[in-house]
Amino acid sequence: MLETMTYFVKVHVFGYITSDGILTVETFQENLDPKLLVVIMKECLTRYCNRLLGRNQWILAYDNDPKHRAEETIKYLKRAQVQLFNFLT
C-alpha cells in the first residue's frame, strides 16, 4: 500500500510582464484576496510601473477573476490612475 503525503506549505506567485520582459515576481503564502492584491499592486506593480513608464502611461490587462473586479481593487487602481483593459470582455 502506498502512502500519500499531504503538503501543508503553499507558495503563490504573482508576477507581471511587459513587452520588455518580466518586471518582478512576488511570492506569498496567504490566500490572495482583494486586500492582499491591492497591497501587492501598491508596493510593487504600480510603484514600479509608474516610476519606469510614467503615471497613466501604461495599461493593466486583467481578467474577470473576482479579486480583479472587486470594488476595493478597482477603487485603488482608479486612485493610482492606472488604465485598465479587461481582455475577456
Protein backbone atom coordinates (compact mmCIF):
# COMPACT_ATOMS: atom_id res chain seq x y z
CA MET A 1 0.00 0.00 0.00
CA LEU A 2 1.33 3.43 -0.99
CA GLU A 3 1.26 6.28 1.47
CA THR A 4 0.03 9.67 0.39
CA MET A 5 1.79 12.72 1.71
CA THR A 6 -0.13 15.91 2.37
CA TYR A 7 1.75 19.14 1.89
CA PHE A 8 0.81 21.96 4.18
CA VAL A 9 3.13 24.62 2.82
CA LYS A 10 1.89 26.53 -0.19
CA VAL A 11 3.53 29.32 -2.11
CA HIS A 12 1.72 31.60 -4.52
CA VAL A 13 3.45 33.59 -7.24
CA PHE A 14 2.32 36.97 -8.55
CA GLY A 15 4.24 38.47 -11.42
CA TYR A 16 3.84 40.94 -14.20
CA ILE A 17 5.26 41.11 -17.67
CA THR A 18 5.86 43.93 -20.13
CA SER A 19 6.92 43.81 -23.74
CA ASP A 20 10.47 44.15 -22.38
CA GLY A 21 10.17 41.05 -20.16
CA ILE A 22 9.33 40.17 -16.58
CA LEU A 23 9.48 43.10 -14.21
CA THR A 24 9.23 41.18 -10.96
CA VAL A 25 7.81 38.14 -9.27
CA GLU A 26 6.37 38.26 -5.76
CA THR A 27 5.79 35.18 -3.64
CA PHE A 28 3.47 34.85 -0.66
CA GLN A 29 1.78 32.13 1.38
CA GLU A 30 -1.51 33.80 2.28
CA ASN A 31 -4.65 33.28 0.24
CA LEU A 32 -4.92 36.04 -2.33
CA ASP A 33 -7.91 38.26 -1.70
CA PRO A 34 -8.68 41.80 -2.91
CA LYS A 35 -6.99 43.37 0.12
CA LEU A 36 -3.71 41.46 -0.43
CA LEU A 37 -3.90 42.09 -4.18
CA VAL A 38 -4.08 45.84 -3.54
CA VAL A 39 -1.09 45.61 -1.17
CA ILE A 40 0.95 43.75 -3.78
CA MET A 41 -0.03 46.19 -6.52
CA LYS A 42 0.66 49.22 -4.33
CA GLU A 43 4.06 48.01 -3.10
CA CYS A 44 5.25 46.53 -6.37
CA LEU A 45 3.28 46.85 -9.59
CA THR A 46 2.01 50.42 -9.66
CA ARG A 47 5.03 51.91 -7.89
CA TYR A 48 7.47 50.28 -10.31
CA CYS A 49 5.46 50.85 -13.49
CA ASN A 50 4.73 54.49 -12.63
CA ARG A 51 8.42 55.08 -11.96
CA LEU A 52 9.59 53.23 -15.08
CA LEU A 53 6.89 54.19 -17.57
CA GLY A 54 5.19 57.23 -16.06
CA ARG A 55 1.89 57.67 -14.26
CA ASN A 56 -1.07 56.91 -16.51
CA GLN A 57 1.32 55.82 -19.30
CA TRP A 58 0.73 52.08 -19.06
CA ILE A 59 -2.24 49.71 -19.21
CA LEU A 60 -3.03 46.87 -16.83
CA ALA A 61 -4.57 43.91 -18.64
CA TYR A 62 -6.69 41.76 -16.35
CA ASP A 63 -9.33 39.06 -16.48
CA ASN A 64 -12.67 38.51 -14.75
CA ASP A 65 -11.31 36.95 -11.58
CA PRO A 66 -13.46 38.23 -8.68
CA LYS A 67 -10.37 39.68 -6.97
CA HIS A 68 -9.58 41.74 -10.06
CA ARG A 69 -13.16 43.05 -10.28
CA ALA A 70 -13.57 43.67 -6.55
CA GLU A 71 -14.63 47.17 -5.53
CA GLU A 72 -11.52 47.59 -3.35
CA THR A 73 -9.22 46.67 -6.26
CA ILE A 74 -10.95 48.91 -8.81
CA LYS A 75 -11.02 51.87 -6.38
CA TYR A 76 -7.28 51.54 -5.76
CA LEU A 77 -6.45 51.31 -9.46
CA LYS A 78 -8.55 54.40 -10.22
CA ARG A 79 -6.84 56.35 -7.41
CA ALA A 80 -3.47 55.22 -8.79
CA GLN A 81 -4.57 56.39 -12.27
CA VAL A 82 -3.99 53.02 -13.87
CA GLN A 83 -5.55 52.46 -17.28
CA LEU A 84 -7.42 49.14 -17.31
CA PHE A 85 -8.02 46.67 -20.10
CA ASN A 86 -10.17 43.59 -19.47
CA PHE A 87 -9.12 41.15 -22.16
CA LEU A 88 -12.15 38.91 -21.57
CA THR A 89 -14.89 41.40 -22.39
